[in-house]
Amino acid sequence: MWWNLLFLTSTWSGAVFGWQRPGPIDAVRQATVMVEVLGPRGRATGSGFVVGQDGTIATAAHVLEGAWLVMVKLASG
């Protein structure tokens, strides 16, 4: 199913930050992702954030509604 694409990111761990415990603002910045979708109305973008150590990403349902293709870009690129 198409929404499973959101869960195919690499493993999320503290190593991504480069140090043990980032400050709360840095942690939020680095957990925020850009979601790009291609669907019947063309291209659209939205945002989301990493919610789990396994790389699970949360975003609003309207971002994904009708999408044919979904790409997630992490803050690290």
PDB file of N, CA and C in Angstrom:
ATOM      1  N   MET A   1       0.839  -1.173   0.000  1.00  0.00           N
ATOM      2  CA  MET A   1       0.000   0.000   0.000  1.00  0.00           C
ATOM      3  C   MET A   1       0.884   1.236   0.000  1.00  0.00           C
ATOM      4  N   TRP A   2       0.435   2.300  -0.617  1.00  0.00           N
ATOM      5  CA  TRP A   2       1.280   3.466  -0.834  1.00  0.00           C
ATOM      6  C   TRP A   2       1.741   4.146   0.438  1.00  0.00           C
ATOM      7  N   TRP A   3       0.976   4.124   1.506  1.00  0.00           N
ATOM      8  CA  TRP A   3       1.396   4.834   2.706  1.00  0.00           C
ATOM      9  C   TRP A   3       2.569   4.168   3.399  1.00  0.00           C
ATOM     10  N   ASN A   4       2.877   2.920   3.052  1.00  0.00           N
ATOM     11  CA  ASN A   4       4.051   2.264   3.615  1.00  0.00           C
ATOM     12  C   ASN A   4       5.345   2.926   3.178  1.00  0.00           C
ATOM     13  N   LEU A   5       5.312   3.732   2.115  1.00  0.00           N
ATOM     14  CA  LEU A   5       6.509   4.442   1.680  1.00  0.00           C
ATOM     15  C   LEU A   5       7.061   5.337   2.770  1.00  0.00           C
ATOM     16  N   LEU A   6       6.199   5.826   3.625  1.00  0.00           N
ATOM     17  CA  LEU A   6       6.657   6.710   4.689  1.00  0.00           C
ATOM     18  C   LEU A   6       7.531   6.005   5.701  1.00  0.00           C
ATOM     19  N   PHE A   7       7.459   4.703   5.759  1.00  0.00           N
ATOM     20  CA  PHE A   7       8.187   3.966   6.774  1.00  0.00           C
ATOM     21  C   PHE A   7       9.470   3.339   6.242  1.00  0.00           C
ATOM     22  N   LEU A   8       9.847   3.665   5.014  1.00  0.00           N
ATOM     23  CA  LEU A   8      11.036   3.080   4.413  1.00  0.00           C
ATOM     24  C   LEU A   8      12.261   3.979   4.556  1.00  0.00           C
ATOM     25  N   THR A   9      12.308   4.771   5.605  1.00  0.00           N
ATOM     26  CA  THR A   9      13.465   5.621   5.846  1.00  0.00           C
ATOM     27  C   THR A   9      14.530   4.827   6.580  1.00  0.00           C
ATOM     28  N   SER A  10      15.731   5.343   6.580  1.00  0.00           N
ATOM     29  CA  SER A  10      16.797   4.652   7.288  1.00  0.00           C
ATOM     30  C   SER A  10      16.561   4.732   8.791  1.00  0.00           C
ATOM     31  N   THR A  11      17.232   3.881   9.519  1.00  0.00           N
ATOM     32  CA  THR A  11      17.055   3.823  10.965  1.00  0.00           C
ATOM     33  C   THR A  11      17.426   5.143  11.610  1.00  0.00           C
ATOM     34  N   TRP A  12      16.599   5.606  12.478  1.00  0.00           N
ATOM     35  CA  TRP A  12      16.816   6.861  13.198  1.00  0.00           C
ATOM     36  C   TRP A  12      17.501   6.536  14.520  1.00  0.00           C
ATOM     37  N   SER A  13      18.612   7.172  14.793  1.00  0.00           N
ATOM     38  CA  SER A  13      19.304   6.935  16.057  1.00  0.00           C
ATOM     39  C   SER A  13      19.984   8.206  16.510  1.00  0.00           C
ATOM     40  N   GLY A  14      20.472   8.205  17.717  1.00  0.00           N
ATOM     41  CA  GLY A  14      21.178   9.354  18.258  1.00  0.00           C
ATOM     42  C   GLY A  14      22.410   9.704  17.446  1.00  0.00           C
ATOM     43  N   ALA A  15      22.941   8.743  16.693  1.00  0.00           N
ATOM     44  CA  ALA A  15      24.141   8.992  15.899  1.00  0.00           C
ATOM     45  C   ALA A  15      23.890  10.026  14.807  1.00  0.00           C
ATOM     46  N   VAL A  16      22.651  10.190  14.387  1.00  0.00           N
ATOM     47  CA  VAL A  16      22.324  11.167  13.354  1.00  0.00           C
ATOM     48  C   VAL A  16      22.666  12.573  13.836  1.00  0.00           C
ATOM     49  N   PHE A  17      22.488  12.818  15.117  1.00  0.00           N
ATOM     50  CA  PHE A  17      22.745  14.132  15.673  1.00  0.00           C
ATOM     51  C   PHE A  17      24.230  14.430  15.809  1.00  0.00           C
ATOM     52  N   GLY A  18      25.075  13.418  15.876  1.00  0.00           N
ATOM     53  CA  GLY A  18      26.503  13.623  16.019  1.00  0.00           C
ATOM     54  C   GLY A  18      26.930  13.776  17.470  1.00  0.00           C
ATOM     55  N   TRP A  19      25.988  13.767  18.396  1.00  0.00           N
ATOM     56  CA  TRP A  19      26.295  13.828  19.817  1.00  0.00           C
ATOM     57  C   TRP A  19      25.155  13.200  20.585  1.00  0.00           C
ATOM     58  N   GLN A  20      25.353  12.989  21.859  1.00  0.00           N
ATOM     59  CA  GLN A  20      24.395  12.208  22.641  1.00  0.00           C
ATOM     60  C   GLN A  20      23.013  12.836  22.767  1.00  0.00           C
ATOM     61  N   ARG A  21      22.948  14.049  23.273  1.00  0.00           N
ATOM     62  CA  ARG A  21      21.664  14.658  23.559  1.00  0.00           C
ATOM     63  C   ARG A  21      21.586  16.075  23.004  1.00  0.00           C
ATOM     64  N   PRO A  22      20.878  16.273  21.906  1.00  0.00           N
ATOM     65  CA  PRO A  22      20.738  17.638  21.393  1.00  0.00           C
ATOM     66  C   PRO A  22      19.787  18.428  22.293  1.00  0.00           C
ATOM     67  N   GLY A  23      19.876  19.741  22.239  1.00  0.00           N
ATOM     68  CA  GLY A  23      18.904  20.570  22.945  1.00  0.00           C
ATOM     69  C   GLY A  23      17.539  20.367  22.325  1.00  0.00           C
ATOM     70  N   PRO A  24      16.478  20.762  23.012  1.00  0.00           N
ATOM     71  CA  PRO A  24      15.127  20.492  22.489  1.00  0.00           C
ATOM     72  C   PRO A  24      14.852  21.148  21.140  1.00  0.00           C
ATOM     73  N   ILE A  25      15.341  22.344  20.914  1.00  0.00           N
ATOM     74  CA  ILE A  25      15.083  23.013  19.634  1.00  0.00           C
ATOM     75  C   ILE A  25      15.848  22.322  18.516  1.00  0.00           C
ATOM     76  N   ASP A  26      17.094  21.943  18.763  1.00  0.00           N
ATOM     77  CA  ASP A  26      17.869  21.218  17.754  1.00  0.00           C
ATOM     78  C   ASP A  26      17.240  19.861  17.454  1.00  0.00           C
ATOM     79  N   ALA A  27      16.729  19.203  18.473  1.00  0.00           N
ATOM     80  CA  ALA A  27      16.095  17.893  18.270  1.00  0.00           C
ATOM     81  C   ALA A  27      14.867  18.030  17.376  1.00  0.00           C
ATOM     82  N   VAL A  28      14.063  19.069  17.598  1.00  0.00           N
ATOM     83  CA  VAL A  28      12.868  19.284  16.774  1.00  0.00           C
ATOM     84  C   VAL A  28      13.270  19.619  15.347  1.00  0.00           C
ATOM     85  N   ARG A  29      14.248  20.487  15.175  1.00  0.00           N
ATOM     86  CA  ARG A  29      14.709  20.836  13.822  1.00  0.00           C
ATOM     87  C   ARG A  29      15.179  19.611  13.064  1.00  0.00           C
ATOM     88  N   GLN A  30      15.947  18.771  13.726  1.00  0.00           N
ATOM     89  CA  GLN A  30      16.513  17.613  13.043  1.00  0.00           C
ATOM     90  C   GLN A  30      15.494  16.498  12.849  1.00  0.00           C
ATOM     91  N   ALA A  31      14.408  16.503  13.599  1.00  0.00           N
ATOM     92  CA  ALA A  31      13.369  15.488  13.437  1.00  0.00           C
ATOM     93  C   ALA A  31      12.339  15.897  12.384  1.00  0.00           C
ATOM     94  N   THR A  32      12.342  17.163  11.969  1.00  0.00           N
ATOM     95  CA  THR A  32      11.383  17.649  10.984  1.00  0.00           C
ATOM     96  C   THR A  32      11.803  17.222   9.580  1.00  0.00           C
ATOM     97  N   VAL A  33      10.843  16.779   8.789  1.00  0.00           N
ATOM     98  CA  VAL A  33      11.115  16.323   7.431  1.00  0.00           C
ATOM     99  C   VAL A  33      10.237  17.074   6.438  1.00  0.00           C
ATOM    100  N   MET A  34      10.682  17.108   5.186  1.00  0.00           N
ATOM    101  CA  MET A  34       9.866  17.656   4.107  1.00  0.00           C
ATOM    102  C   MET A  34       9.268  16.477   3.350  1.00  0.00           C
ATOM    103  N   VAL A  35       7.987  16.546   3.082  1.00  0.00           N
ATOM    104  CA  VAL A  35       7.280  15.487   2.362  1.00  0.00           C
ATOM    105  C   VAL A  35       6.863  16.056   1.005  1.00  0.00           C
ATOM    106  N   GLU A  36       7.335  15.449  -0.066  1.00  0.00           N
ATOM    107  CA  GLU A  36       6.946  15.851  -1.416  1.00  0.00           C
ATOM    108  C   GLU A  36       6.077  14.744  -2.001  1.00  0.00           C
ATOM    109  N   VAL A  37       4.974  15.130  -2.611  1.00  0.00           N
ATOM    110  CA  VAL A  37       4.078  14.139  -3.205  1.00  0.00           C
ATOM    111  C   VAL A  37       3.772  14.508  -4.650  1.00  0.00           C
ATOM    112  N   LEU A  38       3.493  13.482  -5.430  1.00  0.00           N
ATOM    113  CA  LEU A  38       3.034  13.642  -6.796  1.00  0.00           C
ATOM    114  C   LEU A  38       1.698  12.931  -6.875  1.00  0.00           C
ATOM    115  N   GLY A  39       0.692  13.640  -7.355  1.00  0.00           N
ATOM    116  CA  GLY A  39      -0.641  13.063  -7.409  1.00  0.00           C
ATOM    117  C   GLY A  39      -1.442  13.653  -8.550  1.00  0.00           C
ATOM    118  N   PRO A  40      -2.739  13.430  -8.551  1.00  0.00           N
ATOM    119  CA  PRO A  40      -3.591  13.875  -9.650  1.00  0.00           C
ATOM    120  C   PRO A  40      -3.627  15.396  -9.823  1.00  0.00           C
ATOM    121  N   ARG A  41      -3.333  16.136  -8.774  1.00  0.00           N
ATOM    122  CA  ARG A  41      -3.313  17.599  -8.860  1.00  0.00           C
ATOM    123  C   ARG A  41      -1.903  18.138  -9.062  1.00  0.00           C
ATOM    124  N   GLY A  42      -0.972  17.264  -9.393  1.00  0.00           N
ATOM    125  CA  GLY A  42       0.413  17.680  -9.620  1.00  0.00           C
ATOM    126  C   GLY A  42       1.278  17.471  -8.394  1.00  0.00           C
ATOM    127  N   ARG A  43       2.272  18.332  -8.279  1.00  0.00           N
ATOM    128  CA  ARG A  43       3.224  18.242  -7.186  1.00  0.00           C
ATOM    129  C   ARG A  43       2.765  19.077  -6.001  1.00  0.00           C
ATOM    130  N   ALA A  44       3.035  18.578  -4.804  1.00  0.00           N
ATOM    131  CA  ALA A  44       2.706  19.319  -3.588  1.00  0.00           C
ATOM    132  C   ALA A  44       3.743  18.987  -2.531  1.00  0.00           C
ATOM    133  N   THR A  45       3.853  19.843  -1.543  1.00  0.00           N
ATOM    134  CA  THR A  45       4.779  19.594  -0.436  1.00  0.00           C
ATOM    135  C   THR A  45       4.046  19.757   0.880  1.00  0.00           C
ATOM    136  N   GLY A  46       4.601  19.131   1.866  1.00  0.00           N
ATOM    137  CA  GLY A  46       4.091  19.236   3.222  1.00  0.00           C
ATOM    138  C   GLY A  46       5.236  18.985   4.178  1.00  0.00           C
ATOM    139  N   SER A  47       4.924  18.834   5.420  1.00  0.00           N
ATOM    140  CA  SER A  47       5.959  18.557   6.405  1.00  0.00           C
ATOM    141  C   SER A  47       5.524  17.404   7.291  1.00  0.00           C
ATOM    142  N   GLY A  48       6.461  16.903   8.033  1.00  0.00           N
ATOM    143  CA  GLY A  48       6.210  15.826   8.975  1.00  0.00           C
ATOM    144  C   GLY A  48       7.341  15.798   9.970  1.00  0.00           C
ATOM    145  N   PHE A  49       7.338  14.797  10.812  1.00  0.00           N
ATOM    146  CA  PHE A  49       8.426  14.674  11.769  1.00  0.00           C
ATOM    147  C   PHE A  49       8.625  13.225  12.154  1.00  0.00           C
ATOM    148  N   VAL A  50       9.854  12.906  12.506  1.00  0.00           N
ATOM    149  CA  VAL A  50      10.215  11.559  12.928  1.00  0.00           C
ATOM    150  C   VAL A  50       9.658  11.360  14.329  1.00  0.00           C
ATOM    151  N   VAL A  51       8.916  10.276  14.519  1.00  0.00           N
ATOM    152  CA  VAL A  51       8.290  10.028  15.820  1.00  0.00           C
ATOM    153  C   VAL A  51       8.820   8.788  16.521  1.00  0.00           C
ATOM    154  N   GLY A  52       9.692   8.042  15.884  1.00  0.00           N
ATOM    155  CA  GLY A  52      10.186   6.826  16.511  1.00  0.00           C
ATOM    156  C   GLY A  52      11.623   6.529  16.173  1.00  0.00           C
ATOM    157  N   GLN A  53      12.245   5.753  17.012  1.00  0.00           N
ATOM    158  CA  GLN A  53      13.634   5.335  16.805  1.00  0.00           C
ATOM    159  C   GLN A  53      13.788   4.537  15.515  1.00  0.00           C
ATOM    160  N   ASP A  54      12.701   3.923  15.038  1.00  0.00           N
ATOM    161  CA  ASP A  54      12.761   3.093  13.834  1.00  0.00           C
ATOM    162  C   ASP A  54      12.589   3.895  12.545  1.00  0.00           C
ATOM    163  N   GLY A  55      12.460   5.223  12.656  1.00  0.00           N
ATOM    164  CA  GLY A  55      12.311   6.056  11.473  1.00  0.00           C
ATOM    165  C   GLY A  55      10.876   6.328  11.074  1.00  0.00           C
ATOM    166  N   THR A  56       9.919   5.948  11.900  1.00  0.00           N
ATOM    167  CA  THR A  56       8.518   6.218  11.609  1.00  0.00           C
ATOM    168  C   THR A  56       8.289   7.717  11.513  1.00  0.00           C
ATOM    169  N   ILE A  57       7.566   8.134  10.481  1.00  0.00           N
ATOM    170  CA  ILE A  57       7.305   9.551  10.240  1.00  0.00           C
ATOM    171  C   ILE A  57       5.808   9.814  10.305  1.00  0.00           C
ATOM    172  N   ALA A  58       5.435  10.903  10.974  1.00  0.00           N
ATOM    173  CA  ALA A  58       4.034  11.327  11.052  1.00  0.00           C
ATOM    174  C   ALA A  58       3.841  12.561  10.178  1.00  0.00           C
ATOM    175  N   THR A  59       2.740  12.593   9.454  1.00  0.00           N
ATOM    176  CA  THR A  59       2.356  13.763   8.672  1.00  0.00           C
ATOM    177  C   THR A  59       0.838  13.797   8.623  1.00  0.00           C
ATOM    178  N   ALA A  60       0.274  14.904   8.185  1.00  0.00           N
ATOM    179  CA  ALA A  60      -1.178  15.032   8.105  1.00  0.00           C
ATOM    180  C   ALA A  60      -1.732  14.220   6.933  1.00  0.00           C
ATOM    181  N   ALA A  61      -2.915  13.697   7.093  1.00  0.00           N
ATOM    182  CA  ALA A  61      -3.538  12.867   6.058  1.00  0.00           C
ATOM    183  C   ALA A  61      -3.723  13.637   4.753  1.00  0.00           C
ATOM    184  N   HIS A  62      -4.025  14.931   4.826  1.00  0.00           N
ATOM    185  CA  HIS A  62      -4.259  15.689   3.587  1.00  0.00           C
ATOM    186  C   HIS A  62      -2.991  15.834   2.751  1.00  0.00           C
ATOM    187  N   VAL A  63      -1.827  15.689   3.371  1.00  0.00           N
ATOM    188  CA  VAL A  63      -0.564  15.751   2.622  1.00  0.00           C
ATOM    189  C   VAL A  63      -0.461  14.546   1.679  1.00  0.00           C
ATOM    190  N   LEU A  64      -0.936  13.406   2.124  1.00  0.00           N
ATOM    191  CA  LEU A  64      -0.814  12.166   1.359  1.00  0.00           C
ATOM    192  C   LEU A  64      -2.039  11.823   0.514  1.00  0.00           C
ATOM    193  N   GLU A  65      -3.124  12.496   0.746  1.00  0.00           N
ATOM    194  CA  GLU A  65      -4.378  12.157   0.065  1.00  0.00           C
ATOM    195  C   GLU A  65      -4.216  12.166  -1.454  1.00  0.00           C
ATOM    196  N   GLY A  66      -4.481  11.030  -2.080  1.00  0.00           N
ATOM    197  CA  GLY A  66      -4.429  10.897  -3.525  1.00  0.00           C
ATOM    198  C   GLY A  66      -3.029  10.792  -4.114  1.00  0.00           C
ATOM    199  N   ALA A  67      -2.008  10.754  -3.283  1.00  0.00           N
ATOM    200  CA  ALA A  67      -0.629  10.734  -3.788  1.00  0.00           C
ATOM    201  C   ALA A  67      -0.318   9.438  -4.523  1.00  0.00           C
ATOM    202  N   TRP A  68       0.416   9.576  -5.634  1.00  0.00           N
ATOM    203  CA  TRP A  68       0.910   8.416  -6.370  1.00  0.00           C
ATOM    204  C   TRP A  68       2.325   8.084  -5.929  1.00  0.00           C
ATOM    205  N   LEU A  69       3.071   9.108  -5.591  1.00  0.00           N
ATOM    206  CA  LEU A  69       4.475   8.943  -5.231  1.00  0.00           C
ATOM    207  C   LEU A  69       4.763   9.865  -4.059  1.00  0.00           C
ATOM    208  N   VAL A  70       5.504   9.365  -3.075  1.00  0.00           N
ATOM    209  CA  VAL A  70       5.855  10.146  -1.889  1.00  0.00           C
ATOM    210  C   VAL A  70       7.356  10.083  -1.689  1.00  0.00           C
ATOM    211  N   MET A  71       7.976  11.257  -1.466  1.00  0.00           N
ATOM    212  CA  MET A  71       9.397  11.318  -1.160  1.00  0.00           C
ATOM    213  C   MET A  71       9.564  12.096   0.146  1.00  0.00           C
ATOM    214  N   VAL A  72      10.378  11.568   1.046  1.00  0.00           N
ATOM    215  CA  VAL A  72      10.629  12.206   2.321  1.00  0.00           C
ATOM    216  C   VAL A  72      12.085  12.636   2.367  1.00  0.00           C
ATOM    217  N   LYS A  73      12.318  13.902   2.710  1.00  0.00           N
ATOM    218  CA  LYS A  73      13.684  14.414   2.814  1.00  0.00           C
ATOM    219  C   LYS A  73      13.963  14.777   4.268  1.00  0.00           C
ATOM    220  N   LEU A  74      14.972  14.140   4.840  1.00  0.00           N
ATOM    221  CA  LEU A  74      15.374  14.417   6.214  1.00  0.00           C
ATOM    222  C   LEU A  74      16.112  15.742   6.318  1.00  0.00           C
ATOM    223  N   ALA A  75      16.172  16.309   7.497  1.00  0.00           N
ATOM    224  CA  ALA A  75      16.877  17.566   7.724  1.00  0.00           C
ATOM    225  C   ALA A  75      18.354  17.439   7.356  1.00  0.00           C
ATOM    226  N   SER A  76      18.896  16.256   7.462  1.00  0.00           N
ATOM    227  CA  SER A  76      20.313  16.024   7.137  1.00  0.00           C
ATOM    228  C   SER A  76      20.550  15.912   5.638  1.00  0.00           C
ATOM    229  N   GLY A  77      19.473  15.982   4.864  1.00  0.00           N
ATOM    230  CA  GLY A  77      19.599  15.893   3.415  1.00  0.00           C
ATOM    231  C   GLY A  77      19.304  14.517   2.909  1.00  0.00           C
TER     232      GLY A  77
END
